[in-house]
Amino acid sequence: MSDKPFTPENASPAASAPETRVAMIATLIVILIGMAGFVGWLVHGDKLFWSMLQAGLAWCL
């Protein structure tokens, strides 16, 4: 057993490591941005492809 007394600081792992919560929130934000980008690519993929193709051809000429 631990010699530490049972206090609220020892009871909650989130209280002892707030950087874990920050990392989880940052990960969630990155996932949401990635999903939004993927959905946008699915909806507008053909326009993006032709636009990038035209820009590439214009750069070559």
PDB file of N, CA and C in Angstrom:
ATOM      1  N   MET A   1       0.838  -1.185   0.000  1.00  0.00           N
ATOM      2  CA  MET A   1       0.000   0.000   0.000  1.00  0.00           C
ATOM      3  C   MET A   1       0.883   1.249   0.000  1.00  0.00           C
ATOM      4  N   SER A   2       0.266   2.322  -0.382  1.00  0.00           N
ATOM      5  CA  SER A   2       0.984   3.583  -0.454  1.00  0.00           C
ATOM      6  C   SER A   2       0.930   4.293   0.891  1.00  0.00           C
ATOM      7  N   ASP A   3       1.989   5.023   1.193  1.00  0.00           N
ATOM      8  CA  ASP A   3       2.022   5.803   2.428  1.00  0.00           C
ATOM      9  C   ASP A   3       1.352   7.151   2.266  1.00  0.00           C
ATOM     10  N   LYS A   4       0.954   7.494   1.052  1.00  0.00           N
ATOM     11  CA  LYS A   4       0.331   8.790   0.806  1.00  0.00           C
ATOM     12  C   LYS A   4      -1.097   8.790   1.347  1.00  0.00           C
ATOM     13  N   PRO A   5      -1.524   9.897   1.921  1.00  0.00           N
ATOM     14  CA  PRO A   5      -2.926   9.969   2.374  1.00  0.00           C
ATOM     15  C   PRO A   5      -3.861  10.090   1.176  1.00  0.00           C
ATOM     16  N   PHE A   6      -5.086   9.673   1.372  1.00  0.00           N
ATOM     17  CA  PHE A   6      -6.096   9.751   0.311  1.00  0.00           C
ATOM     18  C   PHE A   6      -6.636  11.171   0.258  1.00  0.00           C
ATOM     19  N   THR A   7      -6.198  11.924  -0.735  1.00  0.00           N
ATOM     20  CA  THR A   7      -6.646  13.305  -0.911  1.00  0.00           C
ATOM     21  C   THR A   7      -7.188  13.461  -2.317  1.00  0.00           C
ATOM     22  N   PRO A   8      -7.954  14.509  -2.586  1.00  0.00           N
ATOM     23  CA  PRO A   8      -8.468  14.714  -3.952  1.00  0.00           C
ATOM     24  C   PRO A   8      -7.360  14.816  -4.995  1.00  0.00           C
ATOM     25  N   GLU A   9      -6.191  15.332  -4.613  1.00  0.00           N
ATOM     26  CA  GLU A   9      -5.090  15.429  -5.571  1.00  0.00           C
ATOM     27  C   GLU A   9      -4.610  14.043  -5.989  1.00  0.00           C
ATOM     28  N   ASN A  10      -4.659  13.081  -5.071  1.00  0.00           N
ATOM     29  CA  ASN A  10      -4.201  11.729  -5.380  1.00  0.00           C
ATOM     30  C   ASN A  10      -5.299  10.878  -5.998  1.00  0.00           C
ATOM     31  N   ALA A  11      -6.548  11.291  -5.867  1.00  0.00           N
ATOM     32  CA  ALA A  11      -7.665  10.468  -6.317  1.00  0.00           C
ATOM     33  C   ALA A  11      -7.894  10.561  -7.821  1.00  0.00           C
ATOM     34  N   SER A  12      -7.618  11.700  -8.420  1.00  0.00           N
ATOM     35  CA  SER A  12      -7.938  11.910  -9.826  1.00  0.00           C
ATOM     36  C   SER A  12      -6.666  11.951 -10.671  1.00  0.00           C
ATOM     37  N   PRO A  13      -6.523  11.027 -11.628  1.00  0.00           N
ATOM     38  CA  PRO A  13      -5.338  11.078 -12.489  1.00  0.00           C
ATOM     39  C   PRO A  13      -5.291  12.329 -13.354  1.00  0.00           C
ATOM     40  N   ALA A  14      -6.456  12.872 -13.736  1.00  0.00           N
ATOM     41  CA  ALA A  14      -6.480  14.070 -14.580  1.00  0.00           C
ATOM     42  C   ALA A  14      -5.933  15.280 -13.832  1.00  0.00           C
ATOM     43  N   ALA A  15      -6.123  15.315 -12.522  1.00  0.00           N
ATOM     44  CA  ALA A  15      -5.619  16.442 -11.746  1.00  0.00           C
ATOM     45  C   ALA A  15      -4.098  16.422 -11.665  1.00  0.00           C
ATOM     46  N   SER A  16      -3.507  15.242 -11.700  1.00  0.00           N
ATOM     47  CA  SER A  16      -2.054  15.164 -11.594  1.00  0.00           C
ATOM     48  C   SER A  16      -1.362  15.330 -12.944  1.00  0.00           C
ATOM     49  N   ALA A  17      -2.092  15.134 -14.043  1.00  0.00           N
ATOM     50  CA  ALA A  17      -1.487  15.237 -15.370  1.00  0.00           C
ATOM     51  C   ALA A  17      -2.400  16.000 -16.324  1.00  0.00           C
ATOM     52  N   PRO A  18      -2.473  17.327 -16.198  1.00  0.00           N
ATOM     53  CA  PRO A  18      -3.342  18.088 -17.115  1.00  0.00           C
ATOM     54  C   PRO A  18      -2.843  18.072 -18.553  1.00  0.00           C
ATOM     55  N   GLU A  19      -1.543  17.794 -18.754  1.00  0.00           N
ATOM     56  CA  GLU A  19      -1.038  17.755 -20.132  1.00  0.00           C
ATOM     57  C   GLU A  19      -1.646  16.601 -20.912  1.00  0.00           C
ATOM     58  N   THR A  20      -2.100  15.559 -20.227  1.00  0.00           N
ATOM     59  CA  THR A  20      -2.784  14.461 -20.909  1.00  0.00           C
ATOM     60  C   THR A  20      -4.094  14.953 -21.500  1.00  0.00           C
ATOM     61  N   ARG A  21      -4.810  15.748 -20.742  1.00  0.00           N
ATOM     62  CA  ARG A  21      -6.075  16.299 -21.230  1.00  0.00           C
ATOM     63  C   ARG A  21      -5.830  17.229 -22.413  1.00  0.00           C
ATOM     64  N   VAL A  22      -4.795  18.036 -22.340  1.00  0.00           N
ATOM     65  CA  VAL A  22      -4.462  18.948 -23.438  1.00  0.00           C
ATOM     66  C   VAL A  22      -4.093  18.154 -24.687  1.00  0.00           C
ATOM     67  N   ALA A  23      -3.336  17.077 -24.512  1.00  0.00           N
ATOM     68  CA  ALA A  23      -2.951  16.243 -25.654  1.00  0.00           C
ATOM     69  C   ALA A  23      -4.170  15.584 -26.282  1.00  0.00           C
ATOM     70  N   MET A  24      -5.104  15.139 -25.463  1.00  0.00           N
ATOM     71  CA  MET A  24      -6.316  14.506 -25.987  1.00  0.00           C
ATOM     72  C   MET A  24      -7.167  15.519 -26.754  1.00  0.00           C
ATOM     73  N   ILE A  25      -7.293  16.729 -26.241  1.00  0.00           N
ATOM     74  CA  ILE A  25      -8.071  17.768 -26.923  1.00  0.00           C
ATOM     75  C   ILE A  25      -7.399  18.138 -28.245  1.00  0.00           C
ATOM     76  N   ALA A  26      -6.076  18.270 -28.240  1.00  0.00           N
ATOM     77  CA  ALA A  26      -5.350  18.591 -29.474  1.00  0.00           C
ATOM     78  C   ALA A  26      -5.514  17.480 -30.504  1.00  0.00           C
ATOM     79  N   THR A  27      -5.470  16.233 -30.050  1.00  0.00           N
ATOM     80  CA  THR A  27      -5.661  15.099 -30.957  1.00  0.00           C
ATOM     81  C   THR A  27      -7.052  15.118 -31.556  1.00  0.00           C
ATOM     82  N   LEU A  28      -8.053  15.409 -30.736  1.00  0.00           N
ATOM     83  CA  LEU A  28      -9.429  15.480 -31.220  1.00  0.00           C
ATOM     84  C   LEU A  28      -9.591  16.586 -32.262  1.00  0.00           C
ATOM     85  N   ILE A  29      -8.971  17.731 -32.032  1.00  0.00           N
ATOM     86  CA  ILE A  29      -9.055  18.838 -32.989  1.00  0.00           C
ATOM     87  C   ILE A  29      -8.399  18.446 -34.317  1.00  0.00           C
ATOM     88  N   VAL A  30      -7.249  17.790 -34.256  1.00  0.00           N
ATOM     89  CA  VAL A  30      -6.566  17.355 -35.481  1.00  0.00           C
ATOM     90  C   VAL A  30      -7.418  16.350 -36.245  1.00  0.00           C
ATOM     91  N   ILE A  31      -8.060  15.427 -35.527  1.00  0.00           N
ATOM     92  CA  ILE A  31      -8.924  14.440 -36.177  1.00  0.00           C
ATOM     93  C   ILE A  31     -10.107  15.123 -36.851  1.00  0.00           C
ATOM     94  N   LEU A  32     -10.730  16.086 -36.172  1.00  0.00           N
ATOM     95  CA  LEU A  32     -11.875  16.788 -36.759  1.00  0.00           C
ATOM     96  C   LEU A  32     -11.467  17.581 -38.001  1.00  0.00           C
ATOM     97  N   ILE A  33     -10.315  18.236 -37.960  1.00  0.00           N
ATOM     98  CA  ILE A  33      -9.839  18.983 -39.131  1.00  0.00           C
ATOM     99  C   ILE A  33      -9.543  18.027 -40.283  1.00  0.00           C
ATOM    100  N   GLY A  34      -8.941  16.892 -39.977  1.00  0.00           N
ATOM    101  CA  GLY A  34      -8.668  15.897 -41.013  1.00  0.00           C
ATOM    102  C   GLY A  34      -9.934  15.357 -41.644  1.00  0.00           C
ATOM    103  N   MET A  35     -10.940  15.089 -40.815  1.00  0.00           N
ATOM    104  CA  MET A  35     -12.212  14.594 -41.351  1.00  0.00           C
ATOM    105  C   MET A  35     -12.889  15.651 -42.215  1.00  0.00           C
ATOM    106  N   ALA A  36     -12.839  16.916 -41.787  1.00  0.00           N
ATOM    107  CA  ALA A  36     -13.436  17.986 -42.585  1.00  0.00           C
ATOM    108  C   ALA A  36     -12.713  18.123 -43.923  1.00  0.00           C
ATOM    109  N   GLY A  37     -11.393  18.013 -43.912  1.00  0.00           N
ATOM    110  CA  GLY A  37     -10.632  18.076 -45.157  1.00  0.00           C
ATOM    111  C   GLY A  37     -10.942  16.918 -46.084  1.00  0.00           C
ATOM    112  N   PHE A  38     -11.100  15.725 -45.526  1.00  0.00           N
ATOM    113  CA  PHE A  38     -11.415  14.555 -46.339  1.00  0.00           C
ATOM    114  C   PHE A  38     -12.800  14.676 -46.958  1.00  0.00           C
ATOM    115  N   VAL A  39     -13.773  15.148 -46.176  1.00  0.00           N
ATOM    116  CA  VAL A  39     -15.128  15.340 -46.711  1.00  0.00           C
ATOM    117  C   VAL A  39     -15.108  16.400 -47.805  1.00  0.00           C
ATOM    118  N   GLY A  40     -14.371  17.475 -47.599  1.00  0.00           N
ATOM    119  CA  GLY A  40     -14.250  18.501 -48.631  1.00  0.00           C
ATOM    120  C   GLY A  40     -13.608  17.964 -49.892  1.00  0.00           C
ATOM    121  N   TRP A  41     -12.623  17.093 -49.726  1.00  0.00           N
ATOM    122  CA  TRP A  41     -11.979  16.480 -50.889  1.00  0.00           C
ATOM    123  C   TRP A  41     -12.949  15.567 -51.623  1.00  0.00           C
ATOM    124  N   LEU A  42     -13.775  14.818 -50.886  1.00  0.00           N
ATOM    125  CA  LEU A  42     -14.760  13.957 -51.537  1.00  0.00           C
ATOM    126  C   LEU A  42     -15.785  14.772 -52.317  1.00  0.00           C
ATOM    127  N   VAL A  43     -16.215  15.890 -51.745  1.00  0.00           N
ATOM    128  CA  VAL A  43     -17.253  16.704 -52.383  1.00  0.00           C
ATOM    129  C   VAL A  43     -16.690  17.490 -53.564  1.00  0.00           C
ATOM    130  N   HIS A  44     -15.491  18.046 -53.423  1.00  0.00           N
ATOM    131  CA  HIS A  44     -14.940  18.948 -54.444  1.00  0.00           C
ATOM    132  C   HIS A  44     -13.690  18.388 -55.113  1.00  0.00           C
ATOM    133  N   GLY A  45     -13.471  17.089 -55.041  1.00  0.00           N
ATOM    134  CA  GLY A  45     -12.239  16.491 -55.558  1.00  0.00           C
ATOM    135  C   GLY A  45     -12.018  16.710 -57.036  1.00  0.00           C
ATOM    136  N   ASP A  46     -13.089  16.601 -57.826  1.00  0.00           N
ATOM    137  CA  ASP A  46     -12.922  16.765 -59.274  1.00  0.00           C
ATOM    138  C   ASP A  46     -12.515  18.189 -59.623  1.00  0.00           C
ATOM    139  N   LYS A  47     -13.105  19.172 -58.958  1.00  0.00           N
ATOM    140  CA  LYS A  47     -12.742  20.576 -59.222  1.00  0.00           C
ATOM    141  C   LYS A  47     -11.305  20.854 -58.784  1.00  0.00           C
ATOM    142  N   LEU A  48     -10.918  20.289 -57.649  1.00  0.00           N
ATOM    143  CA  LEU A  48      -9.543  20.477 -57.184  1.00  0.00           C
ATOM    144  C   LEU A  48      -8.545  19.847 -58.145  1.00  0.00           C
ATOM    145  N   PHE A  49      -8.875  18.664 -58.652  1.00  0.00           N
ATOM    146  CA  PHE A  49      -7.976  17.984 -59.582  1.00  0.00           C
ATOM    147  C   PHE A  49      -7.770  18.822 -60.836  1.00  0.00           C
ATOM    148  N   TRP A  50      -8.870  19.288 -61.459  1.00  0.00           N
ATOM    149  CA  TRP A  50      -8.745  20.060 -62.695  1.00  0.00           C
ATOM    150  C   TRP A  50      -8.059  21.396 -62.453  1.00  0.00           C
ATOM    151  N   SER A  51      -8.335  22.007 -61.318  1.00  0.00           N
ATOM    152  CA  SER A  51      -7.697  23.277 -61.003  1.00  0.00           C
ATOM    153  C   SER A  51      -6.186  23.099 -60.842  1.00  0.00           C
ATOM    154  N   MET A  52      -5.771  22.029 -60.149  1.00  0.00           N
ATOM    155  CA  MET A  52      -4.342  21.780 -59.979  1.00  0.00           C
ATOM    156  C   MET A  52      -3.689  21.375 -61.294  1.00  0.00           C
ATOM    157  N   LEU A  53      -4.406  20.641 -62.122  1.00  0.00           N
ATOM    158  CA  LEU A  53      -3.881  20.262 -63.434  1.00  0.00           C
ATOM    159  C   LEU A  53      -3.666  21.504 -64.297  1.00  0.00           C
ATOM    160  N   GLN A  54      -4.636  22.405 -64.313  1.00  0.00           N
ATOM    161  CA  GLN A  54      -4.505  23.635 -65.095  1.00  0.00           C
ATOM    162  C   GLN A  54      -3.361  24.492 -64.575  1.00  0.00           C
ATOM    163  N   ALA A  55      -3.226  24.578 -63.259  1.00  0.00           N
ATOM    164  CA  ALA A  55      -2.133  25.369 -62.689  1.00  0.00           C
ATOM    165  C   ALA A  55      -0.781  24.755 -63.050  1.00  0.00           C
ATOM    166  N   GLY A  56      -0.702  23.434 -63.020  1.00  0.00           N
ATOM    167  CA  GLY A  56       0.547  22.766 -63.388  1.00  0.00           C
ATOM    168  C   GLY A  56       0.896  22.972 -64.842  1.00  0.00           C
ATOM    169  N   LEU A  57      -0.103  22.882 -65.709  1.00  0.00           N
ATOM    170  CA  LEU A  57       0.144  23.101 -67.132  1.00  0.00           C
ATOM    171  C   LEU A  57       0.529  24.549 -67.397  1.00  0.00           C
ATOM    172  N   ALA A  58      -0.106  25.478 -66.711  1.00  0.00           N
ATOM    173  CA  ALA A  58       0.232  26.888 -66.895  1.00  0.00           C
ATOM    174  C   ALA A  58       1.662  27.158 -66.438  1.00  0.00           C
ATOM    175  N   TRP A  59       2.098  26.471 -65.395  1.00  0.00           N
ATOM    176  CA  TRP A  59       3.455  26.666 -64.909  1.00  0.00           C
ATOM    177  C   TRP A  59       4.465  26.112 -65.915  1.00  0.00           C
ATOM    178  N   CYS A  60       4.105  25.015 -66.568  1.00  0.00           N
ATOM    179  CA  CYS A  60       5.017  24.403 -67.541  1.00  0.00           C
ATOM    180  C   CYS A  60       5.134  25.248 -68.809  1.00  0.00           C
ATOM    181  N   LEU A  61       4.078  25.951 -69.154  1.00  0.00           N
ATOM    182  CA  LEU A  61       4.094  26.710 -70.410  1.00  0.00           C
ATOM    183  C   LEU A  61       4.771  28.004 -70.257  1.00  0.00           C
TER     184      LEU A  61
END
